[in-house]
Amino acid sequence: MKRTALILAAACVMTVPAHARQATPPASYLDHAALQALADAVPPAPVAGSPRDLADTVASDRLRALENSDRWMLATRHAELRPAFALAHFDCALGLRLTAGESPRLVSILERILHDANEAAELAKARAFRPRPVGADPERPACTVVSPAGRASPSYPSGSATVGAAYGEAIAALDPEHAAEATRIGHEIAVSRMVCGMHYPSDVAEGEKLGKAAFRQIAATPAYQADAVVAREEIGRARAAGLTSPACAAERAALATPLP
């Protein structure tokens, strides 16, 4: 039953790249100079054939044991990072149900975070190319549909890990009583990119650092602080409604799966 719940949830996930650019990007909290500075602070990717690079490859190969497992199905869900849908990733952490219709300001916050976090990651990726695990092995399955161009796109740092970590920090700041749980989900979204074969551990680790650094700067902006007041009210109303997600048991089971 738990696995079925995850499969049904995964079937609802759109399989377009989670951090794909939109035709009209949402407004940013951070300007280009700030985003470039964040990107410039990311250390270089591991050199091909170096001990760190080889360790990444070994760790990534071990994760293939999780293909088609419950954790793999959760990784499929986590690949969806469009804000209106990504809200659901945090339902169980907060113990409520968040919907885009009832939480428009929260969606708006995540849209701007998505833009800034992904842009910082893309600027960092532009400095040097590191192939993805599914690019190095074209036959390796991914947990979502990946085009040939997607397989050939750069892996370091992970844009999805950057966005996931920034989302987790934002939700934690908006609901401090569940901060640890929200931060954990941001981290698990990042881990899911390794489970999917889309990124190596170093890609994800640096992506998480970048996402957290981006949110620290976002949180200091007057625009975010004004938005946060309204978003906290939306979370309060969702909690008062008393609705919870039926997928939480399946999520707990998937997250309890040890990584090989």
Protein backbone atom coordinates (compact mmCIF):
# COMPACT_ATOMS: atom_id res chain seq x y z
CA MET A 1 0.00 0.00 0.00
CA LYS A 2 2.79 2.43 0.86
CA ARG A 3 4.60 1.74 -2.39
CA THR A 4 1.33 2.12 -4.31
CA ALA A 5 0.78 5.54 -2.75
CA LEU A 6 4.20 6.67 -3.88
CA ILE A 7 3.68 5.30 -7.38
CA LEU A 8 0.34 7.10 -7.71
CA ALA A 9 1.88 10.33 -6.47
CA ALA A 10 4.83 9.95 -8.82
CA ALA A 11 2.50 9.42 -11.77
CA CYS A 12 1.12 12.92 -11.21
CA VAL A 13 4.55 14.53 -11.50
CA MET A 14 5.36 16.38 -14.69
CA THR A 15 8.61 15.13 -16.14
CA VAL A 16 9.93 18.40 -17.55
CA PRO A 17 13.23 19.49 -15.98
CA ALA A 18 12.42 20.67 -12.47
CA HIS A 19 14.49 23.82 -12.67
CA ALA A 20 13.84 24.64 -16.33
CA ARG A 21 13.83 28.31 -17.23
CA GLN A 22 10.42 29.84 -17.80
CA ALA A 23 9.57 32.00 -20.84
CA THR A 24 9.04 34.98 -18.54
CA PRO A 25 11.18 34.53 -15.42
CA PRO A 26 9.54 35.59 -12.17
CA ALA A 27 10.85 38.64 -10.37
CA SER A 28 14.04 38.15 -8.38
CA TYR A 29 14.80 38.97 -4.78
CA LEU A 30 18.49 39.29 -5.67
CA ASP A 31 20.11 41.29 -8.44
CA HIS A 32 22.55 39.87 -10.96
CA ALA A 33 25.61 41.09 -9.09
CA ALA A 34 24.53 39.24 -5.96
CA LEU A 35 23.79 36.08 -7.92
CA GLN A 36 27.16 36.25 -9.67
CA ALA A 37 28.94 36.67 -6.34
CA LEU A 38 27.16 33.60 -4.99
CA ALA A 39 28.18 31.61 -8.05
CA ASP A 40 31.77 32.81 -7.85
CA ALA A 41 32.00 31.52 -4.27
CA VAL A 42 31.30 27.92 -5.38
CA PRO A 43 34.59 25.99 -5.46
CA PRO A 44 35.67 24.31 -8.70
CA ALA A 45 34.24 20.90 -9.56
CA PRO A 46 36.36 17.84 -8.77
CA VAL A 47 39.00 17.27 -11.42
CA ALA A 48 38.29 14.26 -13.62
CA GLY A 49 40.19 11.25 -12.31
CA SER A 50 41.00 12.89 -8.97
CA PRO A 51 40.35 10.98 -5.71
CA ARG A 52 37.24 13.06 -5.06
CA ASP A 53 35.93 12.44 -8.57
CA LEU A 54 36.54 8.71 -8.28
CA ALA A 55 34.85 8.61 -4.86
CA ASP A 56 31.83 10.37 -6.36
CA THR A 57 31.62 7.75 -9.10
CA VAL A 58 31.79 4.86 -6.63
CA ALA A 59 29.12 6.42 -4.41
CA SER A 60 26.86 7.11 -7.39
CA ASP A 61 27.19 3.55 -8.64
CA ARG A 62 26.17 2.19 -5.23
CA LEU A 63 22.94 4.20 -5.39
CA ARG A 64 21.84 2.21 -8.42
CA ALA A 65 20.67 -0.41 -5.92
CA LEU A 66 17.74 1.91 -5.14
CA GLU A 67 16.34 1.90 -8.68
CA ASN A 68 12.57 1.26 -8.60
CA SER A 69 12.52 1.25 -4.79
CA ASP A 70 10.24 3.39 -2.61
CA ARG A 71 13.10 5.90 -2.25
CA TRP A 72 13.39 6.01 -6.05
CA MET A 73 9.67 6.79 -6.31
CA LEU A 74 10.04 9.59 -3.77
CA ALA A 75 12.96 10.94 -5.80
CA THR A 76 10.63 11.03 -8.80
CA ARG A 77 8.23 13.21 -6.83
CA HIS A 78 11.04 15.44 -5.60
CA ALA A 79 12.09 16.13 -9.19
CA GLU A 80 9.05 18.42 -9.46
CA LEU A 81 10.22 21.79 -8.17
CA ARG A 82 7.71 24.14 -9.74
CA PRO A 83 6.42 26.08 -6.73
CA ALA A 84 2.70 25.33 -7.07
CA PHE A 85 3.50 21.60 -6.93
CA ALA A 86 6.61 21.66 -4.73
CA LEU A 87 4.56 22.95 -1.80
CA ALA A 88 3.32 19.39 -1.31
CA HIS A 89 6.86 18.18 -0.56
CA PHE A 90 6.60 19.98 2.78
CA ASP A 91 3.10 18.88 3.83
CA CYS A 92 4.30 16.04 6.03
CA ALA A 93 7.11 18.06 7.54
CA LEU A 94 4.65 20.76 8.61
CA GLY A 95 1.77 18.40 9.43
CA LEU A 96 -0.75 20.12 7.15
CA ARG A 97 -1.86 20.47 3.53
CA LEU A 98 -0.57 23.36 1.44
CA THR A 99 -2.26 24.23 -1.86
CA ALA A 100 -1.36 26.86 -4.42
CA GLY A 101 -4.91 28.21 -4.45
CA GLU A 102 -4.92 28.88 -0.72
CA SER A 103 -1.27 29.99 -0.49
CA PRO A 104 -0.60 32.41 -3.36
CA ARG A 105 2.00 34.48 -1.51
CA LEU A 106 3.90 31.36 -0.47
CA VAL A 107 3.91 30.25 -4.11
CA SER A 108 5.17 33.69 -5.12
CA ILE A 109 8.02 33.44 -2.60
CA LEU A 110 9.06 30.05 -3.94
CA GLU A 111 8.85 31.31 -7.53
CA ARG A 112 11.33 34.08 -6.77
CA ILE A 113 13.56 31.70 -4.81
CA LEU A 114 13.45 29.22 -7.69
CA HIS A 115 14.61 31.92 -10.07
CA ASP A 116 17.43 33.17 -7.86
CA ALA A 117 18.70 29.79 -6.67
CA ASN A 118 18.65 28.27 -10.13
CA GLU A 119 20.26 31.32 -11.71
CA ALA A 120 23.13 31.21 -9.20
CA ALA A 121 23.64 27.52 -9.96
CA GLU A 122 23.57 28.11 -13.71
CA LEU A 123 26.16 30.86 -13.41
CA ALA A 124 28.38 28.49 -11.45
CA LYS A 125 27.86 25.70 -13.99
CA ALA A 126 28.94 28.00 -16.80
CA ARG A 127 32.52 28.08 -15.49
CA ALA A 128 33.33 24.44 -16.30
CA PHE A 129 31.58 21.31 -17.52
CA ARG A 130 31.20 18.17 -15.44
CA PRO A 131 29.08 15.37 -16.97
CA ARG A 132 26.16 13.91 -15.07
CA PRO A 133 26.09 10.24 -14.01
CA VAL A 134 23.40 9.64 -16.64
CA GLY A 135 25.58 11.49 -19.13
CA ALA A 136 28.68 9.46 -18.40
CA ASP A 137 26.57 6.29 -18.78
CA PRO A 138 23.88 6.90 -21.45
CA GLU A 139 22.26 3.57 -20.60
CA ARG A 140 21.76 4.43 -16.94
CA PRO A 141 18.08 4.94 -16.09
CA ALA A 142 16.95 8.14 -14.43
CA CYS A 143 13.88 8.41 -12.20
CA THR A 144 12.28 10.86 -14.65
CA VAL A 145 12.27 11.15 -18.42
CA VAL A 146 15.54 12.81 -19.49
CA SER A 147 16.18 14.03 -23.02
CA PRO A 148 19.55 13.54 -24.71
CA ALA A 149 20.20 17.25 -24.14
CA GLY A 150 19.38 16.83 -20.47
CA ARG A 151 21.82 13.94 -20.14
CA ALA A 152 24.49 16.08 -21.80
CA SER A 153 23.90 19.11 -19.56
CA PRO A 154 26.36 20.08 -16.79
CA SER A 155 26.14 18.42 -13.39
CA TYR A 156 28.10 20.70 -11.05
CA PRO A 157 26.73 22.21 -8.90
CA SER A 158 23.29 20.65 -8.76
CA GLY A 159 20.64 23.25 -9.56
CA SER A 160 17.88 21.11 -8.09
CA ALA A 161 19.84 20.66 -4.85
CA THR A 162 20.37 24.43 -4.75
CA VAL A 163 16.66 25.06 -5.18
CA GLY A 164 15.60 22.29 -2.78
CA ALA A 165 17.90 23.54 -0.02
CA ALA A 166 16.71 27.12 -0.52
CA TYR A 167 13.08 25.97 -0.38
CA GLY A 168 13.77 24.07 2.83
CA GLU A 169 15.42 27.08 4.45
CA ALA A 170 12.53 29.31 3.41
CA ILE A 171 9.82 26.99 4.75
CA ALA A 172 11.82 26.55 7.97
CA ALA A 173 12.00 30.32 8.41
CA LEU A 174 8.27 30.69 7.78
CA ASP A 175 7.30 27.94 10.25
CA PRO A 176 10.02 27.91 12.95
CA GLU A 177 8.24 25.27 15.04
CA HIS A 178 8.86 22.79 12.20
CA ALA A 179 12.19 24.19 11.05
CA ALA A 180 14.18 20.99 11.51
CA GLU A 181 11.62 18.94 9.58
CA ALA A 182 11.43 21.48 6.74
CA THR A 183 15.20 21.73 6.48
CA ARG A 184 15.42 17.94 6.32
CA ILE A 185 13.04 17.82 3.37
CA GLY A 186 15.13 20.42 1.56
CA HIS A 187 18.11 18.13 2.11
CA GLU A 188 16.19 15.04 0.98
CA ILE A 189 15.19 16.80 -2.23
CA ALA A 190 18.90 17.24 -2.84
CA VAL A 191 19.66 13.60 -1.99
CA SER A 192 16.97 12.56 -4.46
CA ARG A 193 19.08 13.95 -7.30
CA MET A 194 21.79 11.40 -6.43
CA VAL A 195 19.21 8.62 -6.17
CA CYS A 196 17.96 9.62 -9.63
CA GLY A 197 21.44 9.35 -11.13
CA MET A 198 21.31 13.00 -12.15
CA HIS A 199 24.11 14.25 -9.88
CA TYR A 200 27.16 13.10 -7.94
CA PRO A 201 27.55 13.67 -4.18
CA SER A 202 29.89 16.64 -4.68
CA ASP A 203 27.38 18.28 -7.04
CA VAL A 204 24.67 17.95 -4.42
CA ALA A 205 26.79 19.03 -1.45
CA GLU A 206 27.90 22.24 -3.16
CA GLY A 207 24.38 22.84 -4.46
CA GLU A 208 22.99 22.66 -0.93
CA LYS A 209 25.62 25.11 0.32
CA LEU A 210 24.77 27.47 -2.52
CA GLY A 211 21.03 27.23 -1.86
CA LYS A 212 21.48 28.02 1.82
CA ALA A 213 23.78 30.93 1.04
CA ALA A 214 21.27 32.28 -1.49
CA PHE A 215 18.44 32.12 1.02
CA ARG A 216 20.47 33.94 3.67
CA GLN A 217 20.75 36.85 1.29
CA ILE A 218 17.12 36.59 0.18
CA ALA A 219 15.92 36.60 3.80
CA ALA A 220 17.64 39.94 4.38
CA THR A 221 15.75 41.72 1.60
CA PRO A 222 12.79 43.97 2.49
CA ALA A 223 10.76 42.39 -0.34
CA TYR A 224 11.11 38.90 1.15
CA GLN A 225 10.39 40.14 4.66
CA ALA A 226 7.16 41.77 3.49
CA ASP A 227 6.12 38.63 1.61
CA ALA A 228 6.94 36.46 4.63
CA VAL A 229 4.35 38.22 6.79
CA VAL A 230 1.56 37.20 4.42
CA ALA A 231 2.98 33.70 3.82
CA ARG A 232 2.99 32.98 7.57
CA GLU A 233 -0.68 33.91 7.69
CA GLU A 234 -1.36 31.47 4.84
CA ILE A 235 0.44 28.69 6.70
CA GLY A 236 -1.55 29.54 9.81
CA ARG A 237 -4.83 29.22 7.91
CA ALA A 238 -3.74 25.90 6.41
CA ARG A 239 -2.95 24.59 9.89
CA ALA A 240 -6.30 25.79 11.22
CA ALA A 241 -8.07 23.92 8.42
CA GLY A 242 -6.82 20.67 9.96
CA LEU A 243 -6.12 18.84 6.69
CA THR A 244 -3.14 16.51 6.39
CA SER A 245 -1.56 14.56 3.55
CA PRO A 246 -2.45 10.88 3.04
CA ALA A 247 1.03 10.31 1.57
CA CYS A 248 2.92 10.80 4.84
CA ALA A 249 3.16 7.13 5.80
CA ALA A 250 4.63 6.31 2.40
CA GLU A 251 7.04 9.23 2.66
CA ARG A 252 8.24 8.12 6.08
CA ALA A 253 8.86 4.61 4.78
CA ALA A 254 10.80 5.91 1.78
CA LEU A 255 12.92 8.24 3.88
CA ALA A 256 13.72 5.40 6.27
CA THR A 257 15.41 3.50 3.43
CA PRO A 258 19.15 3.47 4.14
CA LEU A 259 21.38 4.74 1.35
CA PRO A 260 23.76 2.04 0.10
